Amino acid sequence: MPRVRRCRQPGCHLMVKLPDHYCAKHYEHEAEYLASRQKWTRSGDQATMHKYNTVTRYRTYDKQEQYQFYRGKQWQSLRQLALDRDHYICQYCGRSNSNTVDHIVPIEYDQQGMADVNNLATICRSCHYAKTQWEQSYYGTGQGNQRQDVQPIRSVDKIVPFLGRQRKR
């Protein structure tokens, strides 16, 4: 018996024989789907990865230093200290079971707070995303942004209103 799968067209429940992805009715989408798959399989080659690492991830000496810091034992122990201190609760919204630790003042802006446990806070994913967006506009962090000359905010309580979050406490 041949192996089959469901047609990839939304709402179509016909079964097609492998290796096809679409039924006879929707077969015109097959070439487009295969082309998109090829695009992503090619993106994993060494040249693409090298470009990503040298241009995006490690674009400056500071970014290389940060990457090495996050891979080290010192970061792992600091991270665990912050998680234990905060009891795995997001300090920005109060959500439990948060296991991400973030620098309150980003190290891209202030290198001095890189290994300071008082500059760390447990944060959930949605708050981390919102805080990163806010940091890029306030501090000017991130690729392509111009660093701003502003006073660093070192308190989670003062950052929360900028994120549009309300704490559950």
N, C-alpha and C. Protein backbone atom coordinates (compact mmCIF):
# COMPACT_ATOMS: atom_id res chain seq x y z
N MET A 1 0.84 -1.17 0.00
CA MET A 1 0.00 0.00 0.00
C MET A 1 0.89 1.24 0.00
N PRO A 2 0.64 2.22 -0.89
CA PRO A 2 1.49 3.41 -0.96
C PRO A 2 1.26 4.33 0.24
N ARG A 3 2.30 5.06 0.59
CA ARG A 3 2.18 6.03 1.69
C ARG A 3 1.46 7.27 1.16
N VAL A 4 0.60 7.82 1.99
CA VAL A 4 -0.19 8.98 1.59
C VAL A 4 -0.15 10.05 2.67
N ARG A 5 -0.54 11.24 2.28
CA ARG A 5 -0.69 12.37 3.21
C ARG A 5 -1.85 13.22 2.72
N ARG A 6 -2.30 14.10 3.59
CA ARG A 6 -3.39 15.00 3.25
C ARG A 6 -2.86 16.14 2.37
N CYS A 7 -3.68 16.61 1.43
CA CYS A 7 -3.34 17.74 0.56
C CYS A 7 -3.05 18.97 1.42
N ARG A 8 -2.01 19.73 1.06
CA ARG A 8 -1.60 20.89 1.85
C ARG A 8 -2.51 22.10 1.66
N GLN A 9 -3.40 22.07 0.71
CA GLN A 9 -4.32 23.18 0.47
C GLN A 9 -5.28 23.30 1.65
N PRO A 10 -5.38 24.49 2.28
CA PRO A 10 -6.30 24.65 3.42
C PRO A 10 -7.74 24.29 3.03
N GLY A 11 -8.35 23.47 3.82
CA GLY A 11 -9.74 23.06 3.60
C GLY A 11 -9.90 21.84 2.72
N CYS A 12 -8.85 21.41 2.05
CA CYS A 12 -8.93 20.23 1.19
C CYS A 12 -8.53 19.00 2.01
N HIS A 13 -9.37 17.98 1.97
CA HIS A 13 -9.11 16.79 2.78
C HIS A 13 -8.76 15.56 1.95
N LEU A 14 -8.46 15.76 0.68
CA LEU A 14 -8.10 14.64 -0.18
C LEU A 14 -6.71 14.12 0.18
N MET A 15 -6.52 12.84 -0.01
CA MET A 15 -5.23 12.22 0.26
C MET A 15 -4.43 12.13 -1.04
N VAL A 16 -3.12 12.39 -0.93
CA VAL A 16 -2.23 12.32 -2.10
C VAL A 16 -1.11 11.34 -1.80
N LYS A 17 -0.59 10.72 -2.83
CA LYS A 17 0.52 9.79 -2.67
C LYS A 17 1.81 10.57 -2.49
N LEU A 18 2.66 10.07 -1.60
CA LEU A 18 3.98 10.66 -1.42
C LEU A 18 4.79 10.45 -2.69
N PRO A 19 5.61 11.32 -3.14
CA PRO A 19 6.15 12.49 -2.49
C PRO A 19 5.36 13.78 -2.78
N ASP A 20 4.21 13.70 -3.45
CA ASP A 20 3.43 14.91 -3.76
C ASP A 20 2.89 15.54 -2.48
N HIS A 21 2.61 16.86 -2.58
CA HIS A 21 2.08 17.61 -1.45
C HIS A 21 0.66 18.10 -1.70
N TYR A 22 0.23 18.13 -2.97
CA TYR A 22 -1.09 18.65 -3.34
C TYR A 22 -1.83 17.63 -4.20
N CYS A 23 -3.15 17.64 -4.10
CA CYS A 23 -3.99 16.75 -4.91
C CYS A 23 -4.04 17.27 -6.35
N ALA A 24 -4.69 16.52 -7.25
CA ALA A 24 -4.77 16.90 -8.66
C ALA A 24 -5.46 18.26 -8.83
N LYS A 25 -6.44 18.55 -8.00
CA LYS A 25 -7.20 19.80 -8.09
C LYS A 25 -6.32 21.01 -7.74
N HIS A 26 -5.39 20.86 -6.82
CA HIS A 26 -4.55 21.96 -6.35
C HIS A 26 -3.08 21.80 -6.74
N TYR A 27 -2.80 20.98 -7.74
CA TYR A 27 -1.42 20.64 -8.07
C TYR A 27 -0.62 21.84 -8.56
N GLU A 28 -1.29 22.92 -9.02
CA GLU A 28 -0.56 24.10 -9.51
C GLU A 28 0.27 24.75 -8.41
N HIS A 29 -0.03 24.46 -7.15
CA HIS A 29 0.73 25.03 -6.03
C HIS A 29 1.99 24.22 -5.69
N GLU A 30 2.13 23.04 -6.28
CA GLU A 30 3.24 22.15 -5.95
C GLU A 30 4.60 22.79 -6.25
N ALA A 31 4.75 23.37 -7.44
CA ALA A 31 6.04 23.96 -7.83
C ALA A 31 6.41 25.12 -6.91
N GLU A 32 5.43 25.95 -6.57
CA GLU A 32 5.67 27.07 -5.68
C GLU A 32 6.10 26.59 -4.29
N TYR A 33 5.45 25.55 -3.80
CA TYR A 33 5.78 25.00 -2.49
C TYR A 33 7.20 24.43 -2.49
N LEU A 34 7.55 23.67 -3.52
CA LEU A 34 8.89 23.09 -3.60
C LEU A 34 9.96 24.18 -3.71
N ALA A 35 9.67 25.26 -4.43
CA ALA A 35 10.63 26.37 -4.54
C ALA A 35 10.85 27.02 -3.18
N SER A 36 9.80 27.19 -2.40
CA SER A 36 9.96 27.80 -1.08
C SER A 36 10.75 26.87 -0.16
N ARG A 37 10.55 25.58 -0.29
CA ARG A 37 11.33 24.62 0.51
C ARG A 37 12.80 24.68 0.15
N GLN A 38 13.10 24.80 -1.15
CA GLN A 38 14.49 24.89 -1.60
C GLN A 38 15.17 26.12 -1.04
N LYS A 39 14.44 27.23 -0.99
CA LYS A 39 15.00 28.48 -0.47
C LYS A 39 15.50 28.27 0.95
N TRP A 40 14.72 27.58 1.78
CA TRP A 40 15.10 27.40 3.18
C TRP A 40 16.15 26.32 3.36
N THR A 41 16.17 25.32 2.51
CA THR A 41 17.21 24.30 2.66
C THR A 41 18.56 24.86 2.26
N ARG A 42 18.59 25.78 1.29
CA ARG A 42 19.85 26.40 0.88
C ARG A 42 20.37 27.37 1.94
N SER A 43 19.48 27.91 2.75
CA SER A 43 19.91 28.94 3.70
C SER A 43 20.74 28.35 4.84
N GLY A 44 20.80 27.05 4.97
CA GLY A 44 21.57 26.45 6.04
C GLY A 44 23.00 26.13 5.66
N ASP A 45 23.44 26.54 4.47
CA ASP A 45 24.79 26.20 4.04
C ASP A 45 25.83 27.03 4.80
N GLN A 46 27.08 26.66 4.64
CA GLN A 46 28.16 27.28 5.41
C GLN A 46 28.35 28.75 5.08
N ALA A 47 28.22 29.11 3.82
CA ALA A 47 28.44 30.51 3.44
C ALA A 47 27.38 31.41 4.08
N THR A 48 26.14 30.96 4.09
CA THR A 48 25.08 31.75 4.70
C THR A 48 25.29 31.87 6.19
N MET A 49 25.67 30.78 6.84
CA MET A 49 25.90 30.79 8.27
C MET A 49 27.09 31.70 8.61
N HIS A 50 28.14 31.63 7.80
CA HIS A 50 29.31 32.49 8.03
C HIS A 50 28.92 33.95 7.91
N LYS A 51 28.11 34.29 6.89
CA LYS A 51 27.68 35.68 6.71
C LYS A 51 26.83 36.12 7.90
N TYR A 52 25.93 35.26 8.35
CA TYR A 52 25.09 35.61 9.50
C TYR A 52 25.96 35.88 10.73
N ASN A 53 26.91 35.01 10.98
CA ASN A 53 27.76 35.15 12.17
C ASN A 53 28.65 36.39 12.10
N THR A 54 29.25 36.68 10.95
CA THR A 54 30.18 37.79 10.87
C THR A 54 29.48 39.13 10.69
N VAL A 55 28.34 39.18 10.03
CA VAL A 55 27.68 40.45 9.74
C VAL A 55 26.62 40.78 10.79
N THR A 56 25.87 39.81 11.25
CA THR A 56 24.76 40.09 12.15
C THR A 56 25.10 39.78 13.59
N ARG A 57 25.44 38.55 13.89
CA ARG A 57 25.62 38.14 15.28
C ARG A 57 26.84 38.79 15.92
N TYR A 58 28.00 38.68 15.27
CA TYR A 58 29.24 39.21 15.86
C TYR A 58 29.70 40.44 15.10
N ARG A 59 28.82 41.40 14.87
CA ARG A 59 29.14 42.53 14.01
C ARG A 59 30.23 43.44 14.58
N THR A 60 30.44 43.40 15.88
CA THR A 60 31.50 44.20 16.49
C THR A 60 32.22 43.35 17.53
N TYR A 61 33.31 43.89 18.03
CA TYR A 61 34.05 43.19 19.08
C TYR A 61 33.18 43.02 20.33
N ASP A 62 32.38 44.05 20.66
CA ASP A 62 31.51 43.97 21.84
C ASP A 62 30.50 42.84 21.72
N LYS A 63 29.94 42.66 20.53
CA LYS A 63 28.96 41.58 20.34
C LYS A 63 29.65 40.22 20.47
N GLN A 64 30.87 40.10 20.00
CA GLN A 64 31.61 38.84 20.17
C GLN A 64 31.83 38.57 21.64
N GLU A 65 32.18 39.60 22.39
CA GLU A 65 32.41 39.47 23.82
C GLU A 65 31.12 39.05 24.54
N GLN A 66 30.00 39.65 24.16
CA GLN A 66 28.71 39.30 24.76
C GLN A 66 28.36 37.85 24.49
N TYR A 67 28.58 37.40 23.26
CA TYR A 67 28.26 36.02 22.91
C TYR A 67 29.08 35.06 23.75
N GLN A 68 30.36 35.35 23.93
CA GLN A 68 31.21 34.48 24.75
C GLN A 68 30.75 34.50 26.21
N PHE A 69 30.31 35.66 26.70
CA PHE A 69 29.81 35.77 28.07
C PHE A 69 28.59 34.87 28.27
N TYR A 70 27.65 34.92 27.34
CA TYR A 70 26.42 34.13 27.47
C TYR A 70 26.67 32.63 27.36
N ARG A 71 27.78 32.22 26.80
CA ARG A 71 28.11 30.80 26.69
C ARG A 71 28.90 30.29 27.89
N GLY A 72 29.30 31.17 28.80
CA GLY A 72 30.19 30.79 29.89
C GLY A 72 29.48 30.37 31.17
N LYS A 73 30.26 29.83 32.08
CA LYS A 73 29.76 29.37 33.38
C LYS A 73 29.31 30.53 34.26
N GLN A 74 29.98 31.68 34.13
CA GLN A 74 29.60 32.82 34.95
C GLN A 74 28.16 33.23 34.67
N TRP A 75 27.77 33.27 33.38
CA TRP A 75 26.39 33.63 33.04
C TRP A 75 25.42 32.58 33.58
N GLN A 76 25.77 31.32 33.46
CA GLN A 76 24.87 30.27 33.92
C GLN A 76 24.61 30.39 35.43
N SER A 77 25.64 30.69 36.18
CA SER A 77 25.45 30.82 37.63
C SER A 77 24.68 32.09 37.97
N LEU A 78 24.96 33.21 37.30
CA LEU A 78 24.22 34.45 37.52
C LEU A 78 22.74 34.27 37.16
N ARG A 79 22.50 33.60 36.05
CA ARG A 79 21.13 33.35 35.59
C ARG A 79 20.37 32.55 36.62
N GLN A 80 20.99 31.50 37.14
CA GLN A 80 20.33 30.66 38.14
C GLN A 80 20.07 31.43 39.43
N LEU A 81 21.01 32.29 39.83
CA LEU A 81 20.80 33.12 41.01
C LEU A 81 19.57 34.03 40.83
N ALA A 82 19.45 34.63 39.66
CA ALA A 82 18.32 35.52 39.40
C ALA A 82 17.00 34.75 39.37
N LEU A 83 17.01 33.58 38.77
CA LEU A 83 15.78 32.76 38.72
C LEU A 83 15.36 32.34 40.13
N ASP A 84 16.32 31.92 40.94
CA ASP A 84 16.00 31.52 42.32
C ASP A 84 15.52 32.71 43.14
N ARG A 85 16.16 33.84 42.98
CA ARG A 85 15.77 35.04 43.72
C ARG A 85 14.34 35.47 43.35
N ASP A 86 13.99 35.40 42.07
CA ASP A 86 12.68 35.85 41.58
C ASP A 86 11.63 34.74 41.58
N HIS A 87 12.02 33.53 41.98
CA HIS A 87 11.10 32.38 42.05
C HIS A 87 10.43 32.09 40.70
N TYR A 88 11.16 32.29 39.61
CA TYR A 88 10.67 32.02 38.26
C TYR A 88 9.42 32.82 37.91
N ILE A 89 9.25 33.99 38.50
CA ILE A 89 8.09 34.85 38.24
C ILE A 89 8.57 36.07 37.47
N CYS A 90 7.89 36.38 36.37
CA CYS A 90 8.23 37.55 35.56
C CYS A 90 8.11 38.80 36.42
N GLN A 91 9.17 39.58 36.46
CA GLN A 91 9.19 40.77 37.30
C GLN A 91 8.45 41.94 36.65
N TYR A 92 8.05 41.78 35.40
CA TYR A 92 7.37 42.86 34.68
C TYR A 92 5.85 42.69 34.71
N CYS A 93 5.36 41.45 34.62
CA CYS A 93 3.91 41.25 34.60
C CYS A 93 3.42 40.30 35.68
N GLY A 94 4.30 39.55 36.32
CA GLY A 94 3.91 38.64 37.39
C GLY A 94 3.56 37.24 36.94
N ARG A 95 3.77 36.93 35.68
CA ARG A 95 3.46 35.58 35.17
C ARG A 95 4.43 34.57 35.78
N SER A 96 3.90 33.43 36.19
CA SER A 96 4.75 32.40 36.80
C SER A 96 5.37 31.53 35.71
N ASN A 97 6.31 30.70 36.12
CA ASN A 97 7.03 29.77 35.24
C ASN A 97 7.78 30.47 34.12
N SER A 98 8.29 31.64 34.38
CA SER A 98 9.12 32.35 33.40
C SER A 98 10.55 31.92 33.64
N ASN A 99 11.23 31.52 32.59
CA ASN A 99 12.60 31.03 32.79
C ASN A 99 13.64 31.79 31.97
N THR A 100 13.29 32.99 31.51
CA THR A 100 14.25 33.83 30.80
C THR A 100 14.77 34.88 31.77
N VAL A 101 16.05 35.15 31.70
CA VAL A 101 16.65 36.19 32.54
C VAL A 101 17.19 37.26 31.60
N ASP A 102 16.89 38.51 31.92
CA ASP A 102 17.25 39.63 31.06
C ASP A 102 17.98 40.70 31.86
N HIS A 103 18.86 41.43 31.20
CA HIS A 103 19.52 42.57 31.83
C HIS A 103 18.54 43.74 31.86
N ILE A 104 18.37 44.36 32.99
CA ILE A 104 17.46 45.51 33.12
C ILE A 104 17.98 46.65 32.25
N VAL A 105 19.24 47.02 32.42
CA VAL A 105 19.89 47.96 31.51
C VAL A 105 20.69 47.09 30.55
N PRO A 106 20.39 47.17 29.25
CA PRO A 106 21.05 46.25 28.31
C PRO A 106 22.57 46.41 28.30
N ILE A 107 23.26 45.30 28.17
CA ILE A 107 24.72 45.35 28.21
C ILE A 107 25.28 46.00 26.94
N GLU A 108 24.48 46.06 25.91
CA GLU A 108 24.90 46.76 24.70
C GLU A 108 25.00 48.27 24.98
N TYR A 109 24.24 48.74 25.96
CA TYR A 109 24.26 50.15 26.35
C TYR A 109 25.26 50.40 27.48
N ASP A 110 25.31 49.50 28.45
CA ASP A 110 26.17 49.68 29.62
C ASP A 110 26.88 48.36 29.94
N GLN A 111 28.12 48.25 29.51
CA GLN A 111 28.90 47.02 29.70
C GLN A 111 29.18 46.73 31.18
N GLN A 112 29.15 47.75 32.04
CA GLN A 112 29.50 47.57 33.44
C GLN A 112 28.55 46.63 34.16
N GLY A 113 27.29 46.57 33.74
CA GLY A 113 26.30 45.74 34.42
C GLY A 113 26.20 44.33 33.89
N MET A 114 27.14 43.93 33.06
CA MET A 114 27.07 42.60 32.43
C MET A 114 27.02 41.48 33.47
N ALA A 115 27.88 41.53 34.47
CA ALA A 115 27.97 40.45 35.45
C ALA A 115 27.41 40.84 36.81
N ASP A 116 26.52 41.82 36.83
CA ASP A 116 25.91 42.29 38.08
C ASP A 116 24.53 41.65 38.24
N VAL A 117 24.37 40.84 39.28
CA VAL A 117 23.10 40.15 39.50
C VAL A 117 21.97 41.13 39.79
N ASN A 118 22.30 42.32 40.29
CA ASN A 118 21.27 43.34 40.54
C ASN A 118 20.75 43.97 39.25
N ASN A 119 21.44 43.72 38.14
CA ASN A 119 20.99 44.21 36.84
C ASN A 119 20.21 43.14 36.08
N LEU A 120 19.88 42.05 36.74
CA LEU A 120 19.16 40.94 36.10
C LEU A 120 17.76 40.83 36.66
N ALA A 121 16.83 40.43 35.79
CA ALA A 121 15.45 40.20 36.22
C ALA A 121 14.87 39.04 35.40
N THR A 122 14.05 38.24 36.04
CA THR A 122 13.34 37.17 35.36
C THR A 122 12.23 37.82 34.54
N ILE A 123 12.04 37.31 33.32
CA ILE A 123 11.09 37.93 32.41
C ILE A 123 10.44 36.86 31.54
N CYS A 124 9.16 37.03 31.22
CA CYS A 124 8.47 36.08 30.33
C CYS A 124 8.74 36.48 28.87
N ARG A 125 8.36 35.63 27.95
CA ARG A 125 8.66 35.89 26.54
C ARG A 125 7.98 37.14 26.01
N SER A 126 6.70 37.32 26.33
CA SER A 126 5.98 38.46 25.77
C SER A 126 6.54 39.77 26.33
N CYS A 127 6.86 39.81 27.61
CA CYS A 127 7.46 41.02 28.18
C CYS A 127 8.86 41.24 27.62
N HIS A 128 9.60 40.16 27.38
CA HIS A 128 10.95 40.29 26.83
C HIS A 128 10.89 40.92 25.45
N TYR A 129 9.93 40.48 24.65
CA TYR A 129 9.77 41.05 23.31
C TYR A 129 9.44 42.55 23.41
N ALA A 130 8.48 42.90 24.27
CA ALA A 130 8.08 44.30 24.43
C ALA A 130 9.24 45.13 24.97
N LYS A 131 10.00 44.58 25.91
CA LYS A 131 11.12 45.32 26.49
C LYS A 131 12.22 45.53 25.46
N THR A 132 12.48 44.54 24.63
CA THR A 132 13.49 44.69 23.58
C THR A 132 13.09 45.80 22.62
N GLN A 133 11.81 45.85 22.24
CA GLN A 133 11.34 46.92 21.36
C GLN A 133 11.52 48.28 22.03
N TRP A 134 11.19 48.36 23.30
CA TRP A 134 11.33 49.61 24.04
C TRP A 134 12.79 50.02 24.15
N GLU A 135 13.68 49.06 24.44
CA GLU A 135 15.11 49.35 24.55
C GLU A 135 15.67 49.91 23.25
N GLN A 136 15.21 49.37 22.13
CA GLN A 136 15.71 49.84 20.85
C GLN A 136 15.34 51.29 20.60
N SER A 137 14.17 51.70 21.06
CA SER A 137 13.79 53.09 20.86
C SER A 137 14.38 54.00 21.95
N TYR A 138 14.43 53.55 23.18
CA TYR A 138 14.92 54.38 24.28
C TYR A 138 16.44 54.49 24.30
N TYR A 139 17.11 53.34 24.28
CA TYR A 139 18.57 53.32 24.36
C TYR A 139 19.25 53.38 22.99
N GLY A 140 18.53 53.02 21.95
CA GLY A 140 19.13 52.97 20.63
C GLY A 140 19.95 51.71 20.42
N THR A 141 19.59 50.64 21.10
CA THR A 141 20.31 49.37 20.93
C THR A 141 19.79 48.65 19.70
N GLY A 142 20.49 47.60 19.32
CA GLY A 142 20.08 46.81 18.16
C GLY A 142 20.82 47.25 16.91
N GLN A 143 20.85 46.35 15.95
CA GLN A 143 21.58 46.60 14.72
C GLN A 143 20.92 47.73 13.93
N GLY A 144 21.72 48.67 13.48
CA GLY A 144 21.24 49.76 12.66
C GLY A 144 20.70 50.95 13.44
N ASN A 145 20.61 50.85 14.76
CA ASN A 145 20.12 51.96 15.57
C ASN A 145 21.27 52.81 16.07
N GLN A 146 20.98 54.07 16.32
CA GLN A 146 21.98 55.01 16.84
C GLN A 146 21.83 55.08 18.35
N ARG A 147 22.91 54.84 19.07
CA ARG A 147 22.87 54.84 20.53
C ARG A 147 22.47 56.22 21.06
N GLN A 148 21.51 56.23 21.97
CA GLN A 148 21.00 57.47 22.55
C GLN A 148 21.80 57.82 23.82
N ASP A 149 21.92 59.11 24.09
CA ASP A 149 22.58 59.56 25.31
C ASP A 149 21.48 59.87 26.32
N VAL A 150 21.02 58.82 27.00
CA VAL A 150 19.93 58.96 27.97
C VAL A 150 20.37 58.38 29.31
N GLN A 151 19.63 58.73 30.32
CA GLN A 151 19.91 58.21 31.67
C GLN A 151 19.39 56.77 31.74
N PRO A 152 20.21 55.80 32.13
CA PRO A 152 19.72 54.42 32.22
C PRO A 152 18.68 54.26 33.32
N ILE A 153 17.66 53.48 33.04
CA ILE A 153 16.63 53.18 34.03
C ILE A 153 16.97 51.84 34.64
N ARG A 154 17.25 51.81 35.93
CA ARG A 154 17.75 50.61 36.60
C ARG A 154 16.69 49.91 37.43
N SER A 155 15.44 50.36 37.36
CA SER A 155 14.37 49.77 38.16
C SER A 155 13.30 49.17 37.25
N VAL A 156 12.94 47.93 37.54
CA VAL A 156 11.89 47.26 36.79
C VAL A 156 10.58 48.03 36.92
N ASP A 157 10.29 48.53 38.12
CA ASP A 157 9.04 49.25 38.36
C ASP A 157 8.89 50.47 37.47
N LYS A 158 9.99 51.12 37.13
CA LYS A 158 9.93 52.31 36.28
C LYS A 158 9.84 51.95 34.79
N ILE A 159 10.23 50.73 34.43
CA ILE A 159 10.17 50.30 33.03
C ILE A 159 8.78 49.78 32.67
N VAL A 160 8.10 49.15 33.62
CA VAL A 160 6.80 48.51 33.37
C VAL A 160 5.80 49.44 32.67
N PRO A 161 5.64 50.71 33.07
CA PRO A 161 4.67 51.56 32.37
C PRO A 161 4.99 51.78 30.89
N PHE A 162 6.27 51.77 30.55
CA PHE A 162 6.66 51.95 29.14
C PHE A 162 6.28 50.75 28.29
N LEU A 163 6.15 49.60 28.92
CA LEU A 163 5.84 48.36 28.18
C LEU A 163 4.34 48.17 27.99
N GLY A 164 3.53 48.97 28.67
CA GLY A 164 2.08 48.80 28.56
C GLY A 164 1.60 47.56 29.29
N ARG A 165 2.29 47.18 30.34
CA ARG A 165 1.95 46.00 31.12
C ARG A 165 1.43 46.43 32.49
N GLN A 166 0.66 45.54 33.10
CA GLN A 166 0.26 45.75 34.48
C GLN A 166 0.73 44.55 35.27
N ARG A 167 1.33 44.83 36.39
CA ARG A 167 1.84 43.76 37.24
C ARG A 167 0.73 43.09 38.01
N LYS A 168 0.82 41.77 38.09
CA LYS A 168 -0.11 40.99 38.94
C LYS A 168 0.63 40.70 40.24
N ARG A 169 0.28 41.34 41.29
CA ARG A 169 0.95 41.08 42.57
C ARG A 169 -0.03 41.02 43.68
